[in-house]
Amino acid sequence: RQAGGGRIVNITTPGGKAPGAGSLPTSLARAAGLALTKAMSKDYAADNILVNSVCIGLIKSGQHERRYEAAQERNPSQTLDEFYDAMGARVPLGRVGEAREAGDLICFLASERASYITGTAVNVDGGTSPVL
């Protein structure tokens, strides 16, 4: 506020918009995060503080590398690239995303170029989410 504005980018997953079966606790938390983003965007707009969410789907990360290592017991001949290829087969774009792809959007939303974007949630999920 003292600086005359700012940016808040909350990170969640598309599960807050379109929960899957068996995901009740995490889907509730993710939906609450989206509601928080919308409420904050209205509360802070007069101070030129813009608040948005980025809903991140399957992105290459340490989390998935740990899952790969755990899966090595079942399929020791599978490489990490093959593991990601199998995950990516479920994504409409046919691949798992790169961290920079989410990072580029986050940097844009935090920049002056996004000066008229607030209260929205953008999916970075390769088209996986059934909702906008």
N, C-alpha and C. Protein backbone atom coordinates (compact mmCIF):
# COMPACT_ATOMS: atom_id res chain seq x y z
N ARG A 1 0.82 -1.19 0.00
CA ARG A 1 0.00 0.00 0.00
C ARG A 1 0.86 1.25 0.00
N GLN A 2 1.88 1.25 0.82
CA GLN A 2 2.75 2.42 0.92
C GLN A 2 3.46 2.71 -0.39
N ALA A 3 3.70 1.67 -1.18
CA ALA A 3 4.40 1.83 -2.46
C ALA A 3 3.45 2.24 -3.58
N GLY A 4 2.16 2.33 -3.28
CA GLY A 4 1.19 2.72 -4.30
C GLY A 4 0.65 1.57 -5.11
N GLY A 5 0.79 0.38 -4.62
CA GLY A 5 0.25 -0.78 -5.32
C GLY A 5 1.15 -1.98 -5.16
N GLY A 6 0.76 -3.05 -5.79
CA GLY A 6 1.54 -4.26 -5.72
C GLY A 6 0.84 -5.41 -6.41
N ARG A 7 1.45 -6.57 -6.31
CA ARG A 7 0.92 -7.77 -6.95
C ARG A 7 0.99 -8.93 -5.97
N ILE A 8 -0.06 -9.71 -5.96
CA ILE A 8 -0.09 -10.97 -5.21
C ILE A 8 -0.49 -12.04 -6.21
N VAL A 9 0.31 -13.09 -6.32
CA VAL A 9 -0.02 -14.22 -7.19
C VAL A 9 -0.06 -15.46 -6.31
N ASN A 10 -1.26 -15.98 -6.12
CA ASN A 10 -1.45 -17.21 -5.35
C ASN A 10 -1.27 -18.40 -6.28
N ILE A 11 -0.69 -19.46 -5.76
CA ILE A 11 -0.45 -20.67 -6.54
C ILE A 11 -1.34 -21.78 -6.01
N THR A 12 -2.08 -22.41 -6.92
CA THR A 12 -2.93 -23.54 -6.56
C THR A 12 -2.96 -24.50 -7.75
N THR A 13 -3.96 -25.35 -7.80
CA THR A 13 -4.09 -26.29 -8.91
C THR A 13 -5.49 -26.16 -9.52
N PRO A 14 -5.68 -26.69 -10.71
CA PRO A 14 -7.02 -26.65 -11.30
C PRO A 14 -8.06 -27.43 -10.49
N GLY A 15 -7.61 -28.26 -9.54
CA GLY A 15 -8.54 -29.01 -8.70
C GLY A 15 -9.45 -28.14 -7.87
N GLY A 16 -9.11 -26.89 -7.66
CA GLY A 16 -9.99 -25.97 -6.95
C GLY A 16 -11.18 -25.56 -7.79
N LYS A 17 -11.05 -25.66 -9.11
CA LYS A 17 -12.14 -25.33 -10.03
C LYS A 17 -12.95 -26.57 -10.40
N ALA A 18 -12.28 -27.68 -10.55
CA ALA A 18 -12.91 -28.92 -11.00
C ALA A 18 -12.33 -30.08 -10.20
N PRO A 19 -12.86 -30.30 -9.00
CA PRO A 19 -12.30 -31.36 -8.14
C PRO A 19 -12.51 -32.75 -8.72
N GLY A 20 -11.53 -33.59 -8.48
CA GLY A 20 -11.63 -34.98 -8.89
C GLY A 20 -12.16 -35.84 -7.76
N ALA A 21 -12.59 -37.03 -8.09
CA ALA A 21 -13.08 -37.96 -7.08
C ALA A 21 -11.96 -38.31 -6.11
N GLY A 22 -12.31 -38.44 -4.85
CA GLY A 22 -11.34 -38.82 -3.83
C GLY A 22 -10.40 -37.71 -3.42
N SER A 23 -10.77 -36.47 -3.72
CA SER A 23 -9.86 -35.36 -3.40
C SER A 23 -10.51 -34.32 -2.50
N LEU A 24 -11.45 -34.75 -1.68
CA LEU A 24 -12.24 -33.81 -0.89
C LEU A 24 -11.41 -32.83 -0.06
N PRO A 25 -10.51 -33.27 0.81
CA PRO A 25 -9.78 -32.29 1.63
C PRO A 25 -8.96 -31.29 0.81
N THR A 26 -8.20 -31.79 -0.16
CA THR A 26 -7.36 -30.87 -0.92
C THR A 26 -8.18 -30.00 -1.85
N SER A 27 -9.25 -30.54 -2.41
CA SER A 27 -10.09 -29.73 -3.30
C SER A 27 -10.76 -28.59 -2.54
N LEU A 28 -11.18 -28.86 -1.31
CA LEU A 28 -11.77 -27.80 -0.49
C LEU A 28 -10.75 -26.69 -0.23
N ALA A 29 -9.54 -27.07 0.10
CA ALA A 29 -8.50 -26.07 0.37
C ALA A 29 -8.18 -25.27 -0.90
N ARG A 30 -8.13 -25.94 -2.03
CA ARG A 30 -7.82 -25.25 -3.29
C ARG A 30 -8.95 -24.30 -3.68
N ALA A 31 -10.19 -24.73 -3.50
CA ALA A 31 -11.33 -23.86 -3.80
C ALA A 31 -11.33 -22.65 -2.86
N ALA A 32 -10.96 -22.87 -1.61
CA ALA A 32 -10.86 -21.75 -0.66
C ALA A 32 -9.78 -20.77 -1.10
N GLY A 33 -8.69 -21.29 -1.63
CA GLY A 33 -7.63 -20.42 -2.13
C GLY A 33 -8.10 -19.55 -3.29
N LEU A 34 -8.92 -20.12 -4.16
CA LEU A 34 -9.47 -19.35 -5.28
C LEU A 34 -10.44 -18.29 -4.77
N ALA A 35 -11.28 -18.65 -3.79
CA ALA A 35 -12.20 -17.68 -3.20
C ALA A 35 -11.42 -16.56 -2.50
N LEU A 36 -10.35 -16.91 -1.83
CA LEU A 36 -9.49 -15.91 -1.19
C LEU A 36 -8.93 -14.94 -2.22
N THR A 37 -8.48 -15.47 -3.35
CA THR A 37 -7.95 -14.62 -4.42
C THR A 37 -9.00 -13.62 -4.87
N LYS A 38 -10.22 -14.09 -5.11
CA LYS A 38 -11.28 -13.20 -5.59
C LYS A 38 -11.62 -12.15 -4.55
N ALA A 39 -11.76 -12.56 -3.29
CA ALA A 39 -12.10 -11.61 -2.22
C ALA A 39 -10.98 -10.58 -2.03
N MET A 40 -9.74 -11.03 -2.02
CA MET A 40 -8.61 -10.11 -1.86
C MET A 40 -8.54 -9.12 -3.02
N SER A 41 -8.85 -9.59 -4.23
CA SER A 41 -8.78 -8.70 -5.39
C SER A 41 -9.75 -7.54 -5.24
N LYS A 42 -10.89 -7.79 -4.65
CA LYS A 42 -11.87 -6.72 -4.43
C LYS A 42 -11.46 -5.83 -3.25
N ASP A 43 -10.98 -6.45 -2.18
CA ASP A 43 -10.59 -5.67 -1.00
C ASP A 43 -9.39 -4.77 -1.26
N TYR A 44 -8.46 -5.20 -2.11
CA TYR A 44 -7.22 -4.46 -2.30
C TYR A 44 -7.19 -3.61 -3.57
N ALA A 45 -8.23 -3.69 -4.39
CA ALA A 45 -8.24 -2.97 -5.67
C ALA A 45 -8.07 -1.47 -5.50
N ALA A 46 -8.70 -0.89 -4.51
CA ALA A 46 -8.60 0.56 -4.30
C ALA A 46 -7.17 1.00 -4.00
N ASP A 47 -6.36 0.08 -3.51
CA ASP A 47 -4.96 0.37 -3.22
C ASP A 47 -4.04 -0.03 -4.37
N ASN A 48 -4.64 -0.37 -5.53
CA ASN A 48 -3.89 -0.79 -6.71
C ASN A 48 -3.03 -2.03 -6.43
N ILE A 49 -3.54 -2.90 -5.58
CA ILE A 49 -2.89 -4.19 -5.34
C ILE A 49 -3.70 -5.23 -6.10
N LEU A 50 -3.08 -5.84 -7.08
CA LEU A 50 -3.75 -6.80 -7.95
C LEU A 50 -3.48 -8.21 -7.43
N VAL A 51 -4.54 -9.02 -7.39
CA VAL A 51 -4.44 -10.36 -6.82
C VAL A 51 -4.99 -11.36 -7.84
N ASN A 52 -4.18 -12.34 -8.18
CA ASN A 52 -4.57 -13.38 -9.13
C ASN A 52 -4.07 -14.74 -8.64
N SER A 53 -4.59 -15.79 -9.25
CA SER A 53 -4.13 -17.15 -8.97
C SER A 53 -3.62 -17.79 -10.25
N VAL A 54 -2.64 -18.64 -10.10
CA VAL A 54 -2.18 -19.49 -11.19
C VAL A 54 -2.43 -20.92 -10.74
N CYS A 55 -3.21 -21.64 -11.55
CA CYS A 55 -3.59 -23.02 -11.24
C CYS A 55 -2.68 -23.94 -12.06
N ILE A 56 -1.73 -24.55 -11.38
CA ILE A 56 -0.68 -25.31 -12.06
C ILE A 56 -1.03 -26.79 -12.09
N GLY A 57 -0.99 -27.36 -13.29
CA GLY A 57 -1.22 -28.79 -13.48
C GLY A 57 0.08 -29.58 -13.41
N LEU A 58 0.22 -30.56 -14.28
CA LEU A 58 1.41 -31.41 -14.28
C LEU A 58 2.62 -30.65 -14.81
N ILE A 59 3.54 -30.36 -13.92
CA ILE A 59 4.77 -29.64 -14.23
C ILE A 59 5.94 -30.47 -13.71
N LYS A 60 6.99 -30.59 -14.51
CA LYS A 60 8.18 -31.31 -14.05
C LYS A 60 8.68 -30.66 -12.77
N SER A 61 8.84 -31.48 -11.74
CA SER A 61 9.23 -30.94 -10.43
C SER A 61 9.85 -32.03 -9.57
N GLY A 62 10.40 -31.60 -8.47
CA GLY A 62 10.97 -32.54 -7.50
C GLY A 62 9.92 -33.49 -6.96
N GLN A 63 8.69 -33.03 -6.84
CA GLN A 63 7.59 -33.88 -6.36
C GLN A 63 7.43 -35.10 -7.28
N HIS A 64 7.43 -34.85 -8.59
CA HIS A 64 7.26 -35.96 -9.53
C HIS A 64 8.52 -36.81 -9.62
N GLU A 65 9.67 -36.21 -9.43
CA GLU A 65 10.91 -36.99 -9.42
C GLU A 65 10.92 -37.96 -8.23
N ARG A 66 10.36 -37.54 -7.10
CA ARG A 66 10.26 -38.45 -5.94
C ARG A 66 9.27 -39.58 -6.25
N ARG A 67 8.20 -39.28 -6.95
CA ARG A 67 7.25 -40.33 -7.35
C ARG A 67 7.91 -41.30 -8.32
N TYR A 68 8.73 -40.77 -9.21
CA TYR A 68 9.47 -41.62 -10.14
C TYR A 68 10.39 -42.57 -9.38
N GLU A 69 11.12 -42.03 -8.41
CA GLU A 69 12.04 -42.87 -7.63
C GLU A 69 11.28 -43.96 -6.89
N ALA A 70 10.10 -43.64 -6.36
CA ALA A 70 9.28 -44.65 -5.68
C ALA A 70 8.78 -45.70 -6.67
N ALA A 71 8.48 -45.27 -7.90
CA ALA A 71 7.99 -46.20 -8.92
C ALA A 71 9.08 -47.11 -9.46
N GLN A 72 10.34 -46.77 -9.23
CA GLN A 72 11.45 -47.57 -9.72
C GLN A 72 11.42 -49.00 -9.18
N GLU A 73 10.84 -49.19 -8.01
CA GLU A 73 10.73 -50.55 -7.46
C GLU A 73 9.83 -51.41 -8.34
N ARG A 74 8.78 -50.82 -8.91
CA ARG A 74 7.84 -51.56 -9.76
C ARG A 74 8.34 -51.68 -11.20
N ASN A 75 9.07 -50.67 -11.66
CA ASN A 75 9.50 -50.63 -13.06
C ASN A 75 10.92 -50.06 -13.13
N PRO A 76 11.92 -50.86 -12.73
CA PRO A 76 13.29 -50.33 -12.64
C PRO A 76 13.91 -49.94 -13.98
N SER A 77 13.37 -50.41 -15.09
CA SER A 77 13.97 -50.08 -16.39
C SER A 77 13.44 -48.76 -16.96
N GLN A 78 12.40 -48.20 -16.35
CA GLN A 78 11.82 -46.95 -16.86
C GLN A 78 12.73 -45.76 -16.53
N THR A 79 13.01 -44.94 -17.54
CA THR A 79 13.81 -43.73 -17.33
C THR A 79 12.89 -42.60 -16.85
N LEU A 80 13.50 -41.54 -16.35
CA LEU A 80 12.71 -40.38 -15.92
C LEU A 80 11.96 -39.77 -17.10
N ASP A 81 12.59 -39.71 -18.27
CA ASP A 81 11.90 -39.18 -19.45
C ASP A 81 10.70 -40.05 -19.81
N GLU A 82 10.85 -41.36 -19.72
CA GLU A 82 9.72 -42.26 -20.00
C GLU A 82 8.61 -42.07 -18.98
N PHE A 83 8.97 -41.85 -17.74
CA PHE A 83 8.00 -41.58 -16.68
C PHE A 83 7.19 -40.32 -17.01
N TYR A 84 7.90 -39.25 -17.40
CA TYR A 84 7.21 -38.01 -17.77
C TYR A 84 6.39 -38.19 -19.04
N ASP A 85 6.88 -38.98 -19.99
CA ASP A 85 6.11 -39.25 -21.21
C ASP A 85 4.79 -39.94 -20.88
N ALA A 86 4.83 -40.89 -19.95
CA ALA A 86 3.61 -41.60 -19.55
C ALA A 86 2.64 -40.64 -18.87
N MET A 87 3.15 -39.76 -18.02
CA MET A 87 2.29 -38.75 -17.39
C MET A 87 1.70 -37.82 -18.44
N GLY A 88 2.52 -37.40 -19.38
CA GLY A 88 2.09 -36.47 -20.41
C GLY A 88 1.05 -37.03 -21.36
N ALA A 89 0.98 -38.34 -21.46
CA ALA A 89 -0.01 -38.97 -22.34
C ALA A 89 -1.44 -38.64 -21.90
N ARG A 90 -1.62 -38.27 -20.63
CA ARG A 90 -2.96 -37.92 -20.11
C ARG A 90 -3.30 -36.45 -20.33
N VAL A 91 -2.36 -35.68 -20.85
CA VAL A 91 -2.53 -34.24 -21.03
C VAL A 91 -2.88 -33.96 -22.50
N PRO A 92 -3.90 -33.13 -22.77
CA PRO A 92 -4.25 -32.85 -24.17
C PRO A 92 -3.07 -32.37 -25.03
N LEU A 93 -2.15 -31.60 -24.47
CA LEU A 93 -0.98 -31.19 -25.24
C LEU A 93 0.05 -32.30 -25.39
N GLY A 94 -0.16 -33.42 -24.72
CA GLY A 94 0.68 -34.60 -24.90
C GLY A 94 2.00 -34.59 -24.17
N ARG A 95 2.13 -33.71 -23.18
CA ARG A 95 3.39 -33.65 -22.45
C ARG A 95 3.17 -33.01 -21.08
N VAL A 96 4.16 -33.19 -20.21
CA VAL A 96 4.18 -32.53 -18.91
C VAL A 96 4.83 -31.16 -19.11
N GLY A 97 4.34 -30.17 -18.41
CA GLY A 97 4.86 -28.82 -18.55
C GLY A 97 6.22 -28.62 -17.89
N GLU A 98 6.87 -27.56 -18.28
CA GLU A 98 8.15 -27.15 -17.70
C GLU A 98 7.89 -26.04 -16.67
N ALA A 99 8.70 -25.98 -15.64
CA ALA A 99 8.52 -24.96 -14.60
C ALA A 99 8.55 -23.55 -15.18
N ARG A 100 9.38 -23.31 -16.18
CA ARG A 100 9.47 -21.97 -16.76
C ARG A 100 8.15 -21.54 -17.39
N GLU A 101 7.35 -22.50 -17.85
CA GLU A 101 6.07 -22.15 -18.47
C GLU A 101 5.12 -21.55 -17.45
N ALA A 102 5.10 -22.08 -16.25
CA ALA A 102 4.32 -21.48 -15.17
C ALA A 102 5.00 -20.21 -14.69
N GLY A 103 6.31 -20.23 -14.58
CA GLY A 103 7.06 -19.07 -14.11
C GLY A 103 6.89 -17.85 -15.00
N ASP A 104 6.83 -18.07 -16.31
CA ASP A 104 6.64 -16.95 -17.23
C ASP A 104 5.31 -16.25 -16.97
N LEU A 105 4.26 -17.03 -16.75
CA LEU A 105 2.95 -16.44 -16.46
C LEU A 105 2.97 -15.70 -15.13
N ILE A 106 3.58 -16.30 -14.13
CA ILE A 106 3.66 -15.66 -12.81
C ILE A 106 4.40 -14.33 -12.92
N CYS A 107 5.51 -14.32 -13.63
CA CYS A 107 6.27 -13.07 -13.82
C CYS A 107 5.43 -12.02 -14.55
N PHE A 108 4.68 -12.45 -15.56
CA PHE A 108 3.82 -11.51 -16.27
C PHE A 108 2.77 -10.91 -15.33
N LEU A 109 2.11 -11.76 -14.55
CA LEU A 109 1.07 -11.26 -13.64
C LEU A 109 1.65 -10.33 -12.58
N ALA A 110 2.91 -10.50 -12.25
CA ALA A 110 3.56 -9.64 -11.26
C ALA A 110 4.10 -8.35 -11.88
N SER A 111 4.01 -8.24 -13.18
CA SER A 111 4.60 -7.09 -13.88
C SER A 111 3.59 -5.97 -14.11
N GLU A 112 4.12 -4.83 -14.53
CA GLU A 112 3.27 -3.68 -14.89
C GLU A 112 2.44 -3.97 -16.13
N ARG A 113 2.88 -4.89 -16.96
CA ARG A 113 2.14 -5.22 -18.18
C ARG A 113 0.79 -5.86 -17.88
N ALA A 114 0.61 -6.36 -16.67
CA ALA A 114 -0.66 -6.97 -16.26
C ALA A 114 -1.46 -6.02 -15.37
N SER A 115 -1.38 -4.73 -15.65
CA SER A 115 -1.94 -3.72 -14.75
C SER A 115 -3.46 -3.65 -14.74
N TYR A 116 -4.13 -4.42 -15.58
CA TYR A 116 -5.60 -4.42 -15.59
C TYR A 116 -6.15 -5.83 -15.39
N ILE A 117 -5.35 -6.69 -14.80
CA ILE A 117 -5.77 -8.07 -14.54
C ILE A 117 -5.78 -8.28 -13.04
N THR A 118 -6.95 -8.55 -12.50
CA THR A 118 -7.06 -8.86 -11.07
C THR A 118 -8.29 -9.74 -10.85
N GLY A 119 -8.21 -10.58 -9.85
CA GLY A 119 -9.34 -11.43 -9.48
C GLY A 119 -9.57 -12.60 -10.41
N THR A 120 -8.54 -13.03 -11.11
CA THR A 120 -8.72 -14.14 -12.03
C THR A 120 -7.81 -15.31 -11.66
N ALA A 121 -8.14 -16.46 -12.21
CA ALA A 121 -7.35 -17.67 -11.99
C ALA A 121 -7.05 -18.28 -13.36
N VAL A 122 -5.78 -18.42 -13.67
CA VAL A 122 -5.35 -18.90 -14.98
C VAL A 122 -4.78 -20.31 -14.84
N ASN A 123 -5.27 -21.21 -15.68
CA ASN A 123 -4.76 -22.59 -15.69
C ASN A 123 -3.47 -22.67 -16.50
N VAL A 124 -2.49 -23.37 -15.97
CA VAL A 124 -1.28 -23.74 -16.71
C VAL A 124 -1.21 -25.25 -16.58
N ASP A 125 -1.98 -25.94 -17.43
CA ASP A 125 -2.17 -27.38 -17.25
C ASP A 125 -2.22 -28.16 -18.56
N GLY A 126 -1.80 -27.54 -19.64
CA GLY A 126 -1.78 -28.24 -20.92
C GLY A 126 -3.15 -28.61 -21.45
N GLY A 127 -4.20 -27.98 -20.91
CA GLY A 127 -5.56 -28.25 -21.37
C GLY A 127 -6.28 -29.33 -20.59
N THR A 128 -5.72 -29.78 -19.48
CA THR A 128 -6.29 -30.88 -18.72
C THR A 128 -7.60 -30.53 -18.04
N SER A 129 -7.71 -29.33 -17.49
CA SER A 129 -8.90 -28.96 -16.72
C SER A 129 -10.13 -28.91 -17.62
N PRO A 130 -11.26 -29.45 -17.14
CA PRO A 130 -12.49 -29.41 -17.93
C PRO A 130 -13.20 -28.06 -17.88
N VAL A 131 -12.68 -27.13 -17.08
CA VAL A 131 -13.31 -25.81 -16.96
C VAL A 131 -12.28 -24.73 -17.25
N LEU A 132 -12.78 -23.52 -17.52
CA LEU A 132 -11.89 -22.39 -17.82
C LEU A 132 -11.16 -21.90 -16.62
